[in-house]
Protein backbone atom coordinates (compact mmCIF):
# COMPACT_ATOMS: atom_id res chain seq x y z
CA MET A 1 103.24 111.98 68.92
CA SER A 2 101.23 114.48 70.69
CA ASP A 3 97.77 115.41 69.30
CA GLU A 4 95.81 117.47 71.59
CA LYS A 5 93.27 120.18 70.52
CA ASN A 6 94.35 122.89 72.80
CA GLU A 7 97.46 124.88 72.98
CA PRO A 8 96.74 128.09 74.49
CA VAL A 9 99.92 128.74 76.40
CA VAL A 10 101.97 128.55 73.34
CA SER A 11 99.72 130.09 70.78
CA ASN A 12 99.08 133.25 72.95
CA ALA A 13 102.71 133.59 74.27
CA ASP A 14 104.19 137.03 74.09
CA ARG A 15 106.36 137.47 71.12
CA ALA A 16 109.11 139.64 72.75
CA ALA A 17 109.29 137.02 75.32
CA VAL A 18 109.44 134.20 72.61
CA ARG A 19 112.41 136.13 71.24
CA ARG A 20 114.22 136.58 74.55
CA VAL A 21 114.06 132.64 75.03
CA VAL A 22 115.27 132.03 71.41
CA LEU A 23 118.17 134.48 71.85
CA ALA A 24 119.07 133.02 75.27
CA SER A 25 119.07 129.31 73.78
CA PHE A 26 120.88 130.45 70.56
CA VAL A 27 123.57 132.21 72.52
CA GLY A 28 124.13 129.44 75.00
CA THR A 29 124.08 126.73 72.16
CA THR A 30 126.75 128.98 70.28
CA ILE A 31 129.15 128.91 73.26
CA GLU A 32 128.54 125.11 73.79
CA TRP A 33 129.16 123.97 70.21
CA TYR A 34 132.18 126.59 70.09
CA ASP A 35 133.59 124.56 72.79
CA PHE A 36 132.81 121.25 71.17
CA PHE A 37 133.94 122.15 67.76
CA LEU A 38 137.08 123.62 68.99
CA TYR A 39 138.38 120.44 70.08
CA GLY A 40 137.62 118.70 66.63
CA THR A 41 139.53 121.43 64.88
CA ALA A 42 142.30 120.98 67.32
CA ALA A 43 142.22 117.10 66.98
CA ALA A 44 142.44 117.37 63.17
CA LEU A 45 145.32 119.58 63.07
CA VAL A 46 147.56 119.68 66.29
CA PHE A 47 146.45 117.06 69.02
CA GLY A 48 148.16 114.20 67.31
CA ASP A 49 151.47 115.79 67.85
CA LEU A 50 150.96 117.40 71.18
CA PHE A 51 149.41 114.63 73.07
CA PHE A 52 149.59 111.54 71.25
CA HIS A 53 153.25 110.47 70.56
CA ALA A 54 152.96 107.66 67.83
CA GLU A 55 154.94 105.81 65.41
CA SER A 56 153.45 107.11 62.15
CA GLU A 57 151.48 110.17 61.44
CA PHE A 58 148.57 108.18 60.72
CA VAL A 59 148.47 106.39 64.24
CA GLY A 60 148.83 109.98 65.83
CA ARG A 61 145.86 111.24 63.85
CA MET A 62 143.78 108.12 64.54
CA ALA A 63 144.54 108.75 68.29
CA ALA A 64 143.55 112.32 68.15
CA TYR A 65 140.43 111.43 66.23
CA ALA A 66 139.52 108.71 68.94
CA SER A 67 139.76 111.12 71.62
CA PHE A 68 137.44 113.46 69.52
CA ALA A 69 135.09 110.38 69.27
CA ILE A 70 134.96 109.64 73.03
CA GLY A 71 133.15 112.96 73.66
CA PHE A 72 130.29 111.52 71.21
CA PHE A 73 129.99 108.29 73.23
CA ALA A 74 129.54 110.28 76.48
CA ARG A 75 126.55 112.40 74.84
CA PRO A 76 123.78 109.77 75.15
CA LEU A 77 124.77 109.53 78.74
CA GLY A 78 124.30 113.13 79.20
CA GLY A 79 121.04 112.78 77.19
CA VAL A 80 119.59 110.44 79.51
CA VAL A 81 120.70 112.27 82.80
CA PHE A 82 119.75 115.72 81.78
CA GLY A 83 116.75 114.48 79.93
CA HIS A 84 115.47 112.71 83.17
CA PHE A 85 116.01 115.86 85.25
CA GLY A 86 114.85 118.01 82.50
CA ASP A 87 111.37 116.06 82.50
CA ARG A 88 111.22 116.28 86.35
CA VAL A 89 112.58 119.58 87.48
CA GLY A 90 112.44 121.68 84.30
CA ARG A 91 114.33 122.71 81.29
CA LYS A 92 115.91 126.02 82.49
CA ALA A 93 117.91 124.40 85.43
CA MET A 94 119.62 121.82 82.84
CA LEU A 95 120.51 124.47 80.16
CA VAL A 96 122.34 126.23 83.07
CA THR A 97 124.10 123.09 84.43
CA THR A 98 125.34 121.98 81.08
CA LEU A 99 126.64 125.28 79.93
CA MET A 100 128.81 125.61 83.08
CA LEU A 101 130.18 121.82 82.35
CA MET A 102 131.18 122.60 78.79
CA GLY A 103 132.65 125.95 79.61
CA VAL A 104 134.74 124.65 82.58
CA ALA A 105 135.86 121.58 80.72
CA THR A 106 137.02 123.73 77.70
CA PHE A 107 138.88 126.16 79.85
CA LEU A 108 140.87 123.39 81.38
CA ILE A 109 142.13 121.84 78.23
CA GLY A 110 143.45 125.01 77.44
CA ALA A 111 145.43 124.62 80.72
CA LEU A 112 146.90 121.12 80.25
CA PRO A 113 150.23 120.00 79.95
CA THR A 114 151.29 118.38 76.81
CA TYR A 115 152.87 114.77 76.37
CA ASP A 116 156.42 116.34 76.43
CA SER A 117 155.97 117.61 79.80
CA ALA A 118 153.46 115.35 81.48
CA GLY A 119 154.06 112.17 79.61
CA ILE A 120 150.79 109.73 79.60
CA LEU A 121 148.95 111.88 82.08
CA ALA A 122 148.42 114.46 79.28
CA PRO A 123 146.17 112.41 76.94
CA VAL A 124 144.33 110.84 80.20
CA LEU A 125 143.37 114.22 81.27
CA LEU A 126 142.42 115.29 77.77
CA VAL A 127 140.37 112.43 77.32
CA LEU A 128 138.75 112.90 80.81
CA LEU A 129 137.94 116.47 79.85
CA ARG A 130 136.67 115.46 76.61
CA ILE A 131 134.11 113.12 77.98
CA ILE A 132 132.85 116.00 80.18
CA GLN A 133 132.25 118.03 77.17
CA GLY A 134 130.37 115.39 75.59
CA PHE A 135 128.19 114.67 78.78
CA GLY A 136 127.44 118.37 78.91
CA VAL A 137 126.65 118.85 75.14
CA GLY A 138 124.33 115.57 75.44
CA GLY A 139 122.12 117.22 77.96
CA GLU A 140 122.17 120.83 76.48
CA TRP A 141 120.44 120.19 72.86
CA GLY A 142 117.24 118.83 74.37
CA GLY A 143 116.69 121.77 76.90
CA ALA A 144 117.88 124.60 74.43
CA VAL A 145 115.52 123.52 71.62
CA LEU A 146 112.61 122.64 73.84
CA MET A 147 112.79 126.16 75.32
CA ALA A 148 112.49 127.64 71.93
CA VAL A 149 110.08 125.26 70.48
CA GLU A 150 107.80 125.04 73.72
CA HIS A 151 107.88 128.99 74.06
CA GLY A 152 107.04 129.32 70.20
CA HIS A 153 103.91 130.09 68.64
CA GLU A 154 102.19 127.32 66.67
CA GLY A 155 102.88 127.22 62.94
CA ARG A 156 106.50 128.83 63.57
CA ARG A 157 107.96 126.03 65.66
CA GLY A 158 110.14 124.85 62.96
CA PHE A 159 111.51 128.47 62.64
CA TYR A 160 112.07 128.86 66.21
CA GLY A 161 113.74 125.73 66.67
CA SER A 162 116.01 126.38 63.83
CA CYS A 163 117.14 129.63 65.35
CA VAL A 164 118.70 127.54 68.22
CA GLN A 165 120.13 125.29 65.69
CA MET A 166 121.90 128.25 64.02
CA GLY A 167 124.18 128.02 67.21
CA VAL A 168 125.84 125.14 65.60
CA PRO A 169 127.42 127.07 62.40
CA VAL A 170 127.96 130.04 64.67
CA GLY A 171 129.99 128.16 67.30
CA LEU A 172 131.76 126.50 64.14
CA LEU A 173 132.31 129.99 62.78
CA LEU A 174 133.82 131.10 66.11
CA SER A 175 135.86 128.26 66.81
CA VAL A 176 137.34 128.01 62.97
CA GLY A 177 137.83 131.54 62.87
CA VAL A 178 139.71 131.88 66.07
CA TYR A 179 141.70 128.81 65.51
CA ALA A 180 142.74 130.38 62.01
CA LEU A 181 143.90 133.54 63.66
CA VAL A 182 146.06 132.00 66.26
CA SER A 183 147.45 129.50 63.53
CA ARG A 184 149.09 132.46 61.75
CA MET A 185 151.71 132.50 64.63
CA PRO A 186 155.03 131.18 63.79
CA GLU A 187 154.62 127.27 64.10
CA SER A 188 156.94 127.08 67.21
CA THR A 189 154.86 129.73 69.12
CA PHE A 190 151.65 128.19 67.90
CA LEU A 191 152.68 124.73 69.26
CA ALA A 192 154.22 126.31 72.66
CA TRP A 193 151.29 128.21 73.49
CA GLY A 194 149.07 129.77 70.75
CA TRP A 195 146.74 126.62 70.46
CA ARG A 196 145.52 127.15 74.00
CA VAL A 197 144.13 130.68 73.52
CA PRO A 198 140.89 129.58 71.85
CA PHE A 199 140.37 127.05 74.71
CA LEU A 200 140.92 129.60 77.30
CA LEU A 201 138.55 132.11 75.58
CA GLY A 202 135.73 129.52 76.65
CA GLY A 203 136.04 130.77 80.09
CA VAL A 204 134.97 134.52 78.90
CA LEU A 205 132.30 133.05 76.60
CA LEU A 206 130.87 130.87 79.54
CA ALA A 207 130.43 134.10 81.82
CA ILE A 208 128.39 135.54 79.01
CA GLY A 209 126.14 132.74 78.45
CA MET A 210 125.62 132.02 82.23
CA PHE A 211 124.43 135.78 82.56
CA ILE A 212 122.05 135.37 79.55
CA ARG A 213 120.58 131.93 80.41
CA LEU A 214 119.95 132.80 83.97
CA ARG A 215 117.44 135.37 83.07
CA ILE A 216 115.15 133.44 81.06
CA LEU A 217 111.74 131.78 82.27
CA GLU A 218 110.84 128.07 82.34
CA SER A 219 108.93 126.77 79.36
CA PRO A 220 105.25 127.51 79.63
CA VAL A 221 104.27 123.94 78.20
CA PHE A 222 106.29 122.18 80.94
CA ALA A 223 105.05 124.21 83.73
CA ALA A 224 101.36 123.71 82.49
CA ALA A 225 101.83 119.97 82.25
CA GLN A 226 103.63 120.11 85.80
CA LYS A 227 100.58 121.46 87.09
CA ALA A 228 97.82 119.61 85.21
CA GLU A 229 99.11 116.03 85.49
CA GLY A 230 102.50 116.11 87.25
CA VAL A 231 105.72 114.69 86.03
CA SER A 232 107.02 111.37 85.04
CA ARG A 233 108.90 109.46 87.76
CA LEU A 234 111.03 107.83 85.33
CA PRO A 235 110.73 109.63 81.83
CA VAL A 236 113.37 107.65 80.12
CA VAL A 237 111.64 104.45 80.97
CA GLU A 238 108.26 105.71 79.86
CA VAL A 239 109.99 106.82 76.52
CA PHE A 240 111.21 103.35 75.79
CA LEU A 241 107.80 101.95 76.77
CA LYS A 242 105.37 104.38 74.86
CA HIS A 243 107.58 105.81 72.12
CA PRO A 244 110.09 103.23 71.10
CA ARG A 245 109.48 103.46 67.42
CA ASN A 246 109.97 107.45 67.43
CA VAL A 247 113.09 107.07 69.34
CA LEU A 248 114.61 104.56 66.58
CA LEU A 249 113.31 106.76 63.82
CA ALA A 250 115.07 110.04 65.34
CA MET A 251 118.12 107.99 65.52
CA GLY A 252 117.94 106.94 61.83
CA ALA A 253 117.17 110.64 60.88
CA ARG A 254 120.71 111.66 62.61
CA PHE A 255 122.64 109.41 60.47
CA ALA A 256 123.28 111.40 57.13
CA GLU A 257 122.94 114.58 58.89
CA ASN A 258 125.65 113.92 61.65
CA ALA A 259 128.06 112.11 59.53
CA CYS A 260 128.07 114.62 56.47
CA PHE A 261 128.57 117.50 58.94
CA TYR A 262 131.54 116.06 60.53
CA LEU A 263 133.01 114.84 57.26
CA PHE A 264 132.51 118.26 55.72
CA SER A 265 133.94 120.28 58.45
CA VAL A 266 136.43 118.14 60.43
CA PHE A 267 137.62 115.43 58.14
CA VAL A 268 138.05 117.62 55.31
CA LEU A 269 140.57 119.51 57.11
CA SER A 270 142.98 116.59 57.54
CA TYR A 271 142.29 115.08 54.11
CA ALA A 272 142.98 118.38 52.26
CA VAL A 273 145.70 119.34 54.21
CA GLU A 274 147.55 115.93 54.71
CA HIS A 275 146.51 113.97 51.62
CA LEU A 276 146.17 116.64 49.02
CA GLY A 277 148.88 119.17 50.25
CA LEU A 278 146.56 122.20 50.45
CA GLU A 279 147.27 125.13 52.76
CA LYS A 280 145.77 124.69 56.14
CA GLN A 281 144.56 128.35 56.17
CA LYS A 282 142.68 128.14 52.84
CA VAL A 283 140.73 125.15 53.88
CA LEU A 284 140.02 126.81 57.39
CA PHE A 285 138.74 129.63 55.55
CA GLY A 286 136.52 127.40 53.47
CA VAL A 287 134.73 125.90 56.37
CA TRP A 288 134.40 129.41 57.78
CA ILE A 289 132.62 130.50 54.85
CA ALA A 290 130.48 127.48 54.80
CA ALA A 291 129.47 128.02 58.34
CA ALA A 292 128.63 131.39 57.69
CA VAL A 293 126.18 130.38 54.66
CA GLN A 294 124.70 127.85 57.01
CA ILE A 295 123.45 130.59 59.55
CA PHE A 296 120.90 131.84 56.81
CA ALA A 297 120.13 128.44 55.49
CA ILE A 298 119.36 126.79 58.82
CA PRO A 299 116.45 129.15 59.59
CA GLY A 300 115.43 129.29 55.96
CA PHE A 301 114.92 125.25 55.92
CA GLY A 302 113.28 125.55 59.37
CA TRP A 303 110.75 128.26 58.19
CA LEU A 304 110.15 126.13 54.96
CA SER A 305 109.29 123.02 57.18
CA ASP A 306 106.53 125.12 58.67
CA ARG A 307 105.20 125.68 55.48
CA ILE A 308 105.12 122.34 53.57
CA GLY A 309 106.33 119.95 56.47
CA ARG A 310 109.36 118.52 58.33
CA ARG A 311 109.38 115.46 55.92
CA PRO A 312 109.56 116.97 52.51
CA VAL A 313 112.51 119.13 53.65
CA TYR A 314 114.34 116.54 55.58
CA LEU A 315 114.13 114.02 52.65
CA GLY A 316 115.53 116.61 50.16
CA GLY A 317 118.52 117.05 52.29
CA ALA A 318 119.19 113.54 52.49
CA ILE A 319 118.76 112.89 48.80
CA PHE A 320 121.05 115.75 48.15
CA ILE A 321 123.79 114.30 50.46
CA ALA A 322 123.53 110.91 48.73
CA LEU A 323 123.92 112.40 45.13
CA PHE A 324 126.69 115.02 46.38
CA ALA A 325 128.95 112.41 48.06
CA PHE A 326 131.06 111.65 44.85
CA PRO A 327 131.21 115.27 43.44
CA PHE A 328 132.19 116.61 47.08
CA PHE A 329 135.46 114.75 46.78
CA TRP A 330 135.78 115.27 43.12
CA LEU A 331 135.79 118.99 43.65
CA VAL A 332 138.25 119.10 46.69
CA GLU A 333 140.66 116.85 44.58
CA THR A 334 140.69 119.61 41.94
CA LYS A 335 142.98 121.45 44.55
CA VAL A 336 141.48 124.88 43.15
CA THR A 337 140.77 126.93 46.16
CA MET A 338 137.24 128.29 45.06
CA LEU A 339 136.23 124.74 44.08
CA VAL A 340 137.16 123.23 47.33
CA TRP A 341 135.26 126.02 49.16
CA LEU A 342 132.17 125.29 46.75
CA ALA A 343 132.34 121.77 47.76
CA ILE A 344 132.32 122.56 51.60
CA ILE A 345 129.70 125.17 51.25
CA LEU A 346 127.38 122.91 49.17
CA GLY A 347 127.81 120.11 51.68
CA LEU A 348 126.84 122.17 54.52
CA VAL A 349 123.76 123.53 52.68
CA GLY A 350 122.76 119.96 52.36
CA HIS A 351 123.13 119.34 55.79
CA ALA A 352 121.08 122.48 56.78
CA ALA A 353 118.12 121.06 54.96
CA MET A 354 118.16 118.22 57.40
CA TYR A 355 119.24 120.25 60.45
CA GLY A 356 116.73 123.02 60.06
CA PRO A 357 113.67 121.25 60.57
CA GLN A 358 115.26 118.70 63.09
CA ALA A 359 114.61 120.58 66.32
CA ALA A 360 111.00 120.82 65.99
CA PHE A 361 110.63 117.38 64.25
CA PHE A 362 111.89 115.62 67.18
CA SER A 363 110.21 117.58 69.73
CA GLU A 364 107.03 116.82 68.09
CA LEU A 365 107.69 113.09 68.05
CA PHE A 366 107.17 113.22 71.93
CA GLY A 367 104.65 113.87 74.57
CA THR A 368 105.38 116.77 77.34
CA ARG A 369 106.01 114.46 80.22
CA VAL A 370 108.89 112.75 78.24
CA ARG A 371 109.92 115.34 75.66
CA TYR A 372 113.20 116.18 76.98
CA SER A 373 114.34 112.68 77.40
CA GLY A 374 112.86 111.38 74.00
CA ALA A 375 114.16 114.22 72.02
CA SER A 376 117.73 113.94 73.65
CA ILE A 377 117.89 110.27 73.53
CA GLY A 378 116.68 109.95 69.86
CA TYR A 379 119.29 112.82 69.11
CA GLN A 380 122.09 111.63 70.98
CA LEU A 381 122.09 107.79 70.68
CA ALA A 382 122.91 108.20 67.24
CA SER A 383 125.64 110.73 67.67
CA PRO A 384 128.69 108.33 68.58
CA PHE A 385 128.15 106.17 65.43
CA ALA A 386 126.86 108.65 62.94
CA GLY A 387 129.16 111.70 63.95
CA GLY A 388 131.76 110.50 66.44
CA LEU A 389 133.11 107.79 64.29
CA ALA A 390 132.82 109.49 60.98
CA PRO A 391 136.18 110.95 60.94
CA MET A 392 137.97 108.03 62.17
CA ILE A 393 136.12 105.74 59.61
CA ALA A 394 136.84 107.99 56.83
CA THR A 395 140.47 107.92 57.62
CA ALA A 396 140.51 104.07 58.13
CA LEU A 397 138.62 103.79 54.68
CA LEU A 398 141.21 106.05 52.84
CA GLU A 399 144.09 103.92 54.34
CA TRP A 400 142.34 100.73 53.17
CA SER A 401 141.67 102.02 49.71
CA GLY A 402 144.94 103.39 48.99
CA ASP A 403 143.95 107.03 49.51
CA ARG A 404 141.26 106.79 47.12
CA SER A 405 138.00 108.86 48.09
CA TRP A 406 135.35 106.58 46.49
CA SER A 407 135.40 104.51 49.69
CA VAL A 408 134.36 107.62 51.74
CA SER A 409 131.83 108.45 49.02
CA LEU A 410 130.12 105.15 49.51
CA TYR A 411 130.20 105.47 53.15
CA LEU A 412 128.55 108.67 53.12
CA ILE A 413 125.81 107.40 50.63
CA ALA A 414 125.23 104.40 53.24
CA THR A 415 124.40 106.81 55.85
CA ALA A 416 121.99 108.87 53.64
CA LEU A 417 120.16 105.60 52.92
CA VAL A 418 119.72 105.05 56.64
CA THR A 419 118.32 108.52 57.07
CA LEU A 420 115.97 108.08 53.83
CA VAL A 421 114.30 105.09 55.25
CA ALA A 422 113.89 106.64 58.68
CA ILE A 423 112.18 109.81 57.32
CA TRP A 424 110.21 107.74 54.98
CA LEU A 425 108.58 105.92 57.86
CA ALA A 426 108.19 108.70 60.23
CA ALA A 427 104.63 110.61 60.34
CA GLU A 428 104.47 114.09 59.30
CA THR A 429 104.54 116.28 62.61
CA PHE A 430 104.56 119.76 61.64
CA ARG A 431 100.66 120.38 62.34
CA SER A 432 100.75 118.33 65.52
CA ARG A 433 100.09 120.23 69.06
CA LEU A 434 102.79 120.22 71.77
CA SER A 435 100.45 120.28 75.04
CA GLY A 436 100.02 117.18 76.95
CA GLU A 437 100.70 113.53 75.84
């Protein structure tokens, strides 16, 4: 954790310039997560039929979720590669590159042939593009949050970082909203070509994001460190030599946050529709409302972490998730629309308590020379196991327990315990300084 006494570049930064950087990071992150979440929604609802012909519905759904999870396993590699160059070349160049990767991959998914027309080639190409998506988003998060946090004023880093994190619910909002609109088509039309529309829109969003991101300046903290002491030759190696404990703590902090998010936003779609017989549109609308609430909850918790610290806010979110694991499914299983919506909203508010302070917290764990690598690796190494496998694990647990949700609730509690231990062992960072090492 960095502990320097001077941070003049950040504390004297022009507020208008900071707002421009935060906006650029937010817009780009929104587009990247629109692309990433769109795949999750499609995997939960249609990819099993279109790309994975299987003997049973369960096998088809598991295959679709497996392709969803593959993107998460590509994220650590993206974190390592883009972290390396982000710490050596700069933050801005990596933001532009990762956005391009995500946008092109998403557009191409919308143009893919399905299994009926291309056979086994269809799922192979789908998985390949999902890997590219994961590789891109693996490097995007670290660069986006560091641009905001390193430009930000001391004492407001939690808030600035959380504004970038808002891109996640906005991306989810857009992906679910667009998907809900096109899924109102007649079933035959939707399966024929309607499902492609949200993916093809990714090309339009890419152009918008590139225009905005190309106009921002490099991080002043990185530029100052580059002049004063030079860059690390092997930042990834340096991270594991100097900050191994913080990498592990960041990974542990991700478990409950990442798992609960994908259970409450992706797994709940197939569980409510396929297992409980609820209307797809109503469940999608519940996720949409919850994402809208998160837009305000995430920066609210980020602001709170600037006042009372990262650890109390993060711990509160993890404790809530552990206590809410059983009530979440009890509410969904009532099949009462308003209660289903309430369950999803409360679940994602609990997630926001962890996700709001996370950007600043992870950034503050590492020195400037290795901050991109350290934050990205800690964040992304946990993603395959905490988030990517969560829908698959939950689906398998339901099958094992005879469609009883208690098994998934216990799994969610287990992830919360991992996060509670990690945050309890971590140092408080909200008063630390970012400059230097």
